Protein backbone atom coordinates (compact mmCIF):
# COMPACT_ATOMS: atom_id res chain seq x y z
CA MET A 1 101.85 120.28 77.91
CA LYS A 2 99.42 118.14 75.91
CA PHE A 3 100.14 115.08 73.79
CA ARG A 4 99.29 117.21 70.76
CA ASP A 5 102.19 119.52 71.63
CA MET A 6 104.73 116.67 71.22
CA SER A 7 104.61 116.18 67.43
CA ILE A 8 102.68 112.95 67.90
CA SER A 9 100.57 111.71 64.99
CA ASP A 10 96.78 112.04 65.03
CA ARG A 11 96.47 108.25 64.86
CA THR A 12 98.42 107.78 68.07
CA ILE A 13 96.65 110.66 69.82
CA ALA A 14 93.27 109.14 68.93
CA ALA A 15 94.38 105.83 70.42
CA LEU A 16 95.62 107.52 73.60
CA GLU A 17 92.34 109.39 73.98
CA SER A 18 90.38 106.16 73.61
CA MET A 19 92.54 104.72 76.42
CA GLY A 20 91.67 107.67 78.66
CA TYR A 21 95.07 109.37 78.36
CA VAL A 22 94.19 113.08 78.25
CA GLU A 23 97.30 114.76 79.63
CA PRO A 24 100.78 113.22 79.85
CA THR A 25 102.27 112.26 83.18
CA GLU A 26 105.61 113.78 84.19
CA VAL A 27 107.65 110.86 82.88
CA GLN A 28 105.75 110.95 79.57
CA GLU A 29 106.15 114.71 79.22
CA LYS A 30 109.89 114.57 79.84
CA THR A 31 110.71 111.34 78.00
CA ILE A 32 108.59 111.20 74.82
CA PRO A 33 110.17 114.30 73.15
CA LEU A 34 113.65 112.90 73.79
CA LEU A 35 112.74 109.53 72.26
CA LEU A 36 111.22 111.21 69.21
CA GLU A 37 114.52 113.07 68.73
CA GLY A 38 116.34 109.73 68.72
CA LYS A 39 118.07 110.35 72.06
CA GLU A 40 119.17 107.54 74.36
CA VAL A 41 117.74 107.82 77.87
CA VAL A 42 118.20 106.43 81.35
CA VAL A 43 114.96 107.01 83.23
CA ARG A 44 114.48 106.56 86.98
CA SER A 45 110.77 106.46 87.61
CA GLN A 46 108.56 104.98 90.27
CA THR A 47 106.16 102.23 89.34
CA GLY A 48 102.77 103.55 88.31
CA SER A 49 104.16 106.74 86.77
CA GLY A 50 103.13 105.87 83.21
CA LYS A 51 106.52 104.84 81.85
CA THR A 52 105.11 102.05 79.64
CA ALA A 53 103.13 104.59 77.64
CA ALA A 54 106.20 106.85 77.61
CA PHE A 55 108.44 104.42 75.77
CA GLY A 56 105.44 102.89 73.96
CA VAL A 57 104.47 106.17 72.30
CA GLY A 58 108.12 106.90 71.51
CA LEU A 59 108.64 103.52 69.84
CA ILE A 60 105.39 103.48 67.89
CA GLU A 61 105.91 106.99 66.54
CA THR A 62 109.52 106.22 65.61
CA LEU A 63 108.62 102.98 63.83
CA SER A 64 105.59 104.48 62.05
CA LYS A 65 107.83 107.14 60.50
CA ASN A 66 110.52 104.61 59.58
CA PRO A 67 109.02 101.14 58.94
CA ALA A 68 112.48 99.68 58.40
CA LYS A 69 113.20 100.02 62.10
CA LYS A 70 112.49 97.17 64.51
CA ALA A 71 112.17 97.35 68.30
CA LEU A 72 112.78 95.06 71.24
CA ILE A 73 111.57 95.48 74.81
CA LEU A 74 113.14 93.30 77.51
CA ALA A 75 111.23 92.81 80.76
CA PRO A 76 111.90 90.57 83.78
CA THR A 77 108.65 88.58 84.08
CA ARG A 78 106.03 86.93 81.92
CA GLU A 79 103.27 88.99 83.50
CA LEU A 80 105.03 92.24 82.68
CA VAL A 81 105.72 91.12 79.10
CA VAL A 82 102.03 90.35 78.56
CA GLN A 83 100.92 93.68 80.01
CA ILE A 84 103.44 95.75 78.04
CA ALA A 85 102.46 94.04 74.78
CA LYS A 86 98.77 94.62 75.49
CA GLU A 87 99.30 98.34 76.17
CA LEU A 88 101.48 98.78 73.09
CA ARG A 89 98.84 97.13 70.90
CA SER A 90 96.28 99.59 72.25
CA ILE A 91 98.53 102.57 71.50
CA ALA A 92 99.33 101.22 68.02
CA LYS A 93 95.78 100.15 67.13
CA ASN A 94 95.53 102.80 64.38
CA HIS A 95 98.87 101.75 62.91
CA ARG A 96 99.56 98.45 61.18
CA MET A 97 102.17 96.93 63.48
CA ARG A 98 103.04 93.39 64.41
CA ILE A 99 103.68 93.28 68.17
CA TYR A 100 104.53 89.90 69.70
CA SER A 101 105.07 88.77 73.29
CA ILE A 102 107.78 86.14 73.77
CA TYR A 103 108.16 84.43 77.15
CA GLY A 104 108.75 81.07 78.79
CA GLY A 105 106.04 78.74 80.04
CA GLN A 106 104.45 78.82 76.58
CA SER A 107 104.92 76.52 73.60
CA MET A 108 107.67 77.57 71.21
CA GLY A 109 105.58 76.60 68.16
CA PRO A 110 103.13 79.54 68.10
CA GLN A 111 105.94 81.96 68.90
CA ILE A 112 108.05 80.65 66.00
CA ALA A 113 105.06 80.87 63.65
CA SER A 114 104.51 84.51 64.63
CA LEU A 115 108.17 85.45 64.26
CA ARG A 116 108.30 83.92 60.78
CA GLN A 117 105.73 86.49 59.64
CA GLY A 118 108.11 89.29 60.60
CA PHE A 119 107.75 91.72 63.48
CA ASP A 120 107.79 95.40 64.31
CA ILE A 121 108.07 95.13 68.10
CA ILE A 122 109.00 92.16 70.27
CA VAL A 123 108.32 92.24 74.02
CA ALA A 124 110.28 89.42 75.66
CA THR A 125 111.85 87.92 78.72
CA PRO A 126 115.63 87.54 78.25
CA GLY A 127 115.81 83.75 78.64
CA ARG A 128 113.14 82.86 76.09
CA LEU A 129 114.44 85.43 73.58
CA LEU A 130 117.89 83.85 73.77
CA ASP A 131 116.31 80.44 73.13
CA HIS A 132 114.87 81.80 69.88
CA ALA A 133 118.16 83.47 68.95
CA ARG A 134 120.04 80.19 69.40
CA ARG A 135 117.46 78.35 67.27
CA GLY A 136 117.77 81.00 64.57
CA THR A 137 114.05 81.82 64.71
CA VAL A 138 114.70 85.51 65.35
CA ASN A 139 117.34 87.79 63.84
CA LEU A 140 118.41 90.25 66.53
CA LEU A 141 120.75 92.13 64.21
CA ILE A 142 117.80 93.93 62.60
CA VAL A 143 116.75 95.44 65.97
CA ASN A 144 117.77 99.11 66.19
CA CYS A 145 115.56 100.28 69.09
CA VAL A 146 115.77 98.53 72.45
CA VAL A 147 114.10 99.17 75.81
CA LEU A 148 115.34 97.65 79.06
CA ASP A 149 112.29 97.89 81.32
CA GLU A 150 112.58 97.24 85.06
CA ALA A 151 116.34 97.00 84.48
CA ASP A 152 117.14 96.82 88.20
CA ARG A 153 114.74 93.91 88.62
CA MET A 154 116.29 92.01 85.69
CA LEU A 155 119.70 92.40 87.31
CA ASP A 156 118.28 91.27 90.67
CA MET A 157 116.92 88.14 88.98
CA GLY A 158 120.32 87.24 87.52
CA PHE A 159 119.67 88.21 83.89
CA LYS A 160 122.90 90.20 83.50
CA GLU A 161 124.62 87.55 81.35
CA ASP A 162 121.51 87.09 79.17
CA ILE A 163 121.17 90.85 78.69
CA ASP A 164 124.84 91.07 77.67
CA GLN A 165 124.41 88.30 75.09
CA ILE A 166 121.27 89.92 73.65
CA LEU A 167 122.66 93.45 73.43
CA ASP A 168 125.83 92.17 71.78
CA GLN A 169 123.70 90.68 68.95
CA LEU A 170 121.66 93.82 68.23
CA ASN A 171 122.42 96.39 65.55
CA PRO A 172 125.37 98.44 66.86
CA LYS A 173 123.71 101.61 65.54
CA ARG A 174 120.71 101.51 67.81
CA GLN A 175 118.75 103.69 70.19
CA THR A 176 118.80 102.28 73.73
CA MET A 177 116.33 103.22 76.46
CA LEU A 178 116.76 102.07 80.04
CA PHE A 179 113.99 102.36 82.63
CA SER A 180 114.55 101.53 86.29
CA ALA A 181 113.00 102.30 89.67
CA THR A 182 116.49 102.76 91.11
CA ILE A 183 119.84 103.81 89.69
CA ASP A 184 122.74 102.12 91.42
CA ASP A 185 126.28 101.17 90.39
CA ARG A 186 125.03 98.17 88.38
CA ILE A 187 122.68 100.33 86.32
CA LYS A 188 125.41 102.90 85.78
CA SER A 189 127.80 100.17 84.63
CA LEU A 190 125.21 98.70 82.26
CA SER A 191 124.39 102.06 80.70
CA GLY A 192 128.05 103.04 80.52
CA HIS A 193 128.92 99.87 78.61
CA TYR A 194 126.05 99.80 76.12
CA MET A 195 125.00 103.43 75.72
CA GLY A 196 126.76 106.52 74.41
CA LEU A 197 125.82 109.71 76.21
CA PRO A 198 122.28 109.04 77.43
CA VAL A 199 120.07 111.75 78.87
CA LEU A 200 119.28 111.10 82.54
CA VAL A 201 115.63 111.63 83.49
CA GLU A 202 114.69 111.30 87.15
CA ILE A 203 111.06 111.42 88.19
CA GLY A 204 109.74 111.77 91.72
CA PRO A 205 111.24 110.61 95.02
CA LYS A 206 113.66 107.71 95.23
CA GLY A 207 111.68 106.07 98.02
CA LYS A 208 107.98 105.40 98.31
CA VAL A 209 105.42 107.33 96.33
CA GLU A 210 104.09 110.36 98.23
CA SER A 211 100.46 109.44 97.54
CA ILE A 212 100.80 106.20 99.56
CA GLU A 213 99.89 106.26 103.23
CA GLU A 214 101.76 103.59 105.20
CA GLN A 215 100.62 101.95 108.43
CA THR A 216 102.30 99.32 110.59
CA ILE A 217 100.29 96.99 112.82
CA TYR A 218 102.03 94.99 115.55
CA LEU A 219 100.28 91.74 116.45
CA ALA A 220 100.84 88.08 117.25
CA ARG A 221 100.94 85.72 114.30
CA ARG A 222 97.75 83.92 115.35
CA GLU A 223 95.91 87.27 115.31
CA LYS A 224 96.74 88.05 111.68
CA PRO A 225 93.84 86.20 109.97
CA GLN A 226 91.23 87.93 112.14
CA LYS A 227 92.85 91.35 111.69
CA LEU A 228 93.08 90.84 107.93
CA ALA A 229 89.39 89.97 107.69
CA GLU A 230 88.53 93.03 109.79
CA ILE A 231 90.45 95.33 107.43
CA LEU A 232 88.97 93.80 104.28
CA ARG A 233 85.42 94.21 105.53
CA ASN A 234 85.99 97.97 105.61
CA VAL A 235 83.93 99.65 102.89
CA SER A 236 86.89 101.84 101.86
CA VAL A 237 88.78 98.80 100.52
CA SER A 238 87.76 98.76 96.87
CA ARG A 239 90.48 96.37 95.70
CA ALA A 240 93.40 94.89 97.65
CA ILE A 241 96.51 92.80 97.11
CA ILE A 242 97.75 90.81 100.11
CA PHE A 243 101.42 89.82 99.98
CA VAL A 244 102.38 86.58 101.73
CA ALA A 245 105.81 85.00 102.03
CA THR A 246 105.34 81.56 100.43
CA LYS A 247 103.16 79.59 98.06
CA ARG A 248 101.70 77.34 100.76
CA ALA A 249 101.04 80.31 103.02
CA VAL A 250 99.26 82.11 100.16
CA GLU A 251 96.83 79.22 99.78
CA PHE A 252 96.37 79.05 103.55
CA VAL A 253 95.47 82.75 103.81
CA CYS A 254 93.16 82.54 100.79
CA ARG A 255 91.29 79.57 102.28
CA ARG A 256 90.86 81.41 105.60
CA LEU A 257 89.41 84.46 103.86
CA ASN A 258 86.96 82.40 101.84
CA ARG A 259 85.95 80.52 104.99
CA ASP A 260 85.31 83.88 106.69
CA GLY A 261 82.96 84.90 103.88
CA ILE A 262 85.45 87.15 102.04
CA PRO A 263 85.82 86.01 98.41
CA ALA A 264 89.50 85.92 97.44
CA HIS A 265 91.71 84.37 94.77
CA TYR A 266 95.43 83.65 94.91
CA LEU A 267 98.46 83.99 92.65
CA HIS A 268 101.88 82.38 92.97
CA GLY A 269 104.59 80.82 90.82
CA GLY A 270 103.12 77.32 91.23
CA LYS A 271 100.21 78.19 88.94
CA SER A 272 100.49 77.63 85.20
CA GLN A 273 100.98 80.66 82.99
CA ASN A 274 97.41 80.40 81.67
CA GLN A 275 96.03 80.26 85.22
CA ARG A 276 98.09 83.26 86.26
CA GLU A 277 96.99 85.29 83.24
CA ARG A 278 93.35 84.40 83.82
CA THR A 279 93.56 85.35 87.51
CA MET A 280 95.13 88.73 86.71
CA ARG A 281 92.64 89.42 83.93
CA GLU A 282 89.68 88.72 86.21
CA PHE A 283 91.21 90.85 88.97
CA LYS A 284 91.67 93.77 86.58
CA GLU A 285 88.13 93.39 85.29
CA GLY A 286 86.81 93.56 88.84
CA ARG A 287 85.38 90.05 88.97
CA PHE A 288 86.88 89.78 92.44
CA ARG A 289 88.47 92.40 94.66
CA ILE A 290 90.90 90.49 96.91
CA LEU A 291 94.10 88.93 95.54
CA VAL A 292 96.50 86.98 97.78
CA ALA A 293 99.95 86.66 96.21
CA THR A 294 103.63 86.01 96.65
CA ASP A 295 106.15 88.53 95.33
CA VAL A 296 105.38 87.31 91.80
CA ALA A 297 102.89 90.22 91.87
CA ALA A 298 105.26 92.76 93.44
CA ARG A 299 106.53 94.16 90.14
CA GLY A 300 105.23 94.98 86.75
CA LEU A 301 101.51 94.50 87.34
CA HIS A 302 99.65 97.58 86.12
CA ILE A 303 96.36 97.74 87.99
CA ASP A 304 95.27 101.31 88.58
CA GLU A 305 92.39 100.83 91.04
CA VAL A 306 94.13 99.03 93.93
CA SER A 307 93.19 100.95 97.07
CA HIS A 308 95.11 98.83 99.60
CA ILE A 309 98.29 96.78 99.79
CA ILE A 310 98.57 94.54 102.85
CA ASN A 311 101.93 93.00 103.71
CA TYR A 312 100.66 89.98 105.61
CA ASP A 313 104.31 88.95 105.80
CA GLN A 314 107.13 91.47 105.66
CA ALA A 315 109.15 91.79 102.47
CA ASN A 316 112.65 90.33 102.42
CA THR A 317 114.28 93.59 101.37
CA GLU A 318 113.52 97.29 101.37
CA ASP A 319 113.50 97.28 97.57
CA THR A 320 110.87 94.52 97.46
CA HIS A 321 108.79 96.43 100.01
CA THR A 322 108.93 99.54 97.81
CA HIS A 323 107.74 97.61 94.79
CA ARG A 324 104.99 95.86 96.73
CA ILE A 325 103.43 99.08 97.96
CA GLY A 326 103.92 100.56 94.49
CA ARG A 327 100.93 98.49 93.36
CA THR A 328 98.73 101.16 94.98
CA GLY A 329 98.84 104.97 94.70
CA ARG A 330 99.36 104.65 90.95
CA MET A 331 99.06 107.45 88.39
CA GLY A 332 98.81 110.07 91.15
CA LYS A 333 95.93 108.38 92.99
CA GLU A 334 95.97 107.89 96.74
CA GLY A 335 96.57 104.47 98.23
CA LYS A 336 97.24 102.80 101.55
CA ALA A 337 99.82 100.18 102.50
CA ILE A 338 99.50 98.18 105.72
CA THR A 339 102.30 96.01 107.08
CA PHE A 340 101.77 93.34 109.73
CA MET A 341 104.72 93.03 112.13
CA ASP A 342 104.81 89.74 114.04
CA THR A 343 105.42 90.26 117.75
CA ASP A 344 106.13 86.54 118.22
CA ALA A 345 108.16 85.89 115.07
CA PRO A 346 111.65 84.28 115.00
CA PRO A 347 114.56 86.75 115.10
CA PRO A 348 114.56 88.87 111.92
CA TYR A 349 117.08 88.57 109.12
CA ASP A 350 120.20 90.70 109.17
CA TYR A 351 120.40 91.59 105.48
CA ARG A 352 123.68 93.37 106.01
CA ASN A 353 125.35 90.08 106.86
CA GLY A 354 124.39 87.65 104.13
CA GLY A 355 120.76 87.24 105.16
CA ARG A 356 121.55 85.31 108.34
CA ARG A 357 119.39 85.44 111.40
CA TYR A 358 120.48 87.27 114.50
CA GLY A 359 119.14 87.25 118.02
CA ARG A 360 119.24 85.25 121.24
CA ARG A 361 121.68 82.35 121.21
CA GLN A 362 120.04 78.95 121.02
CA SER A 363 121.51 75.53 121.47
CA GLY A 364 120.39 72.11 120.36
CA ASN A 365 120.80 69.95 117.30
CA GLY A 366 119.37 71.46 114.13
CA ARG A 367 118.49 74.88 115.56
CA GLU A 368 119.57 78.31 114.54
CA TYR A 369 121.93 80.10 116.82
CA GLY A 370 123.84 83.35 116.85
CA ASN A 371 125.66 85.89 118.96
CA GLY A 372 123.15 88.68 118.33
CA HIS A 373 125.28 90.27 115.62
CA GLY A 374 124.31 88.31 112.49
CA ASP A 375 126.69 85.42 113.18
CA GLY A 376 123.96 82.78 113.27
CA ARG A 377 123.85 79.72 111.03
CA ARG A 378 121.73 76.61 110.57
CA THR A 379 123.04 73.17 111.37
CA GLU A 380 121.69 69.91 110.00
CA GLY A 381 119.24 68.07 112.18
CA PRO A 382 115.63 67.17 112.84
CA SER A 383 114.36 70.74 113.03
CA SER A 384 115.48 71.42 109.42
CA TYR A 385 112.98 68.83 108.16
CA ARG A 386 110.41 70.36 105.82
CA PRO A 387 107.01 68.73 106.49
CA ARG A 388 104.92 67.67 103.54
CA SER A 389 101.72 69.51 102.77
CA ARG A 390 98.76 67.92 104.50
CA LYS A 391 95.15 68.71 105.27
CA GLY A 392 94.80 71.29 108.01
CA TYR A 393 98.50 72.15 107.90
CA ASP A 394 99.24 75.67 109.12
CA PRO A 395 102.41 76.93 107.41
CA TYR A 396 102.88 79.55 110.11
CA LYS A 397 103.53 76.86 112.72
CA SER A 398 106.59 75.64 110.82
CA ARG A 399 110.01 77.18 111.30
CA ILE A 400 110.92 76.30 107.72
CA TRP A 401 108.70 77.85 105.06
CA ASP A 402 108.45 76.49 101.57
CA GLN A 403 110.19 79.13 99.49
């Protein structure tokens, strides 16, 4: 099937062609016709499958045919909001539509000024949108098309109450679209409460994307910087994202790479929004090829040419691991994910028992101890002291990492 076979306007098709979209992906082929018919959908789709264009085309075509309609897209992070808004503006460039991005970490003034001019589509994080609703700077009752993007991630981040408050203020006669990488009981409950009889669309495997090759490397912690540099010097690494556990560790790894003659930049939540946007823009444009990041980059970043993902530190959960490696192997392209496993690390977390450590029993004031079955806990004492950042400090020598 081609885009032209979907009753899409010539204006939108021209925009898609200019963006390099020749044939629809599976999620676009299955979802766009349903959205154009006004159906509500629950879509399970892996990251990188083209779902932004799927709901973007559906919304823009719907609104172009009925200018009285207004749309809202909720997304979990500022980075994702910015990227969705940018892609929607590209798809809608031949239509006259006002598309605004609303997120925290930015002055309210410019956002209020934009909203006063009226809108066609708002892309927003839940918290900042509620701030505007409480101030009366946005009227949510006029919204009759809503997309919940990365719905599972929004629930993971504790946005359930905010989502409830927002959906309760929208036009009751609305079309709701829910997109999620996973469909669990929380997603089913959310859709059951706010949607009528949605069409379920499931794309691809529930686990990792088939086009991603995974490799695990076992090594001592002190060996990781040298091994990382060795991998990155390989000519097959066109662009790579290196995931590290903490902000301080990110900066440590980035400094080591630069010292070893491998240009790298870093991204974490301690940077201002402008700095983060500039770093991501330069990475996308190819101004540098190595990005060291915390899990702030694990979801919602649409960069199609990432050849390698390197988990310098393991992810906290299987779901986070899936989303990390989903930054490569996008849009059907092949990618590689490499995970470093520390052979000299502290006992791993038992995520089935509240995230506590398990392993050999230890004694002594302020140490972790357990019975080997997830019954460990931390006591107060000298070893729980978090050292201040200082020159030459190696975060991997500390038992307590700055989260």
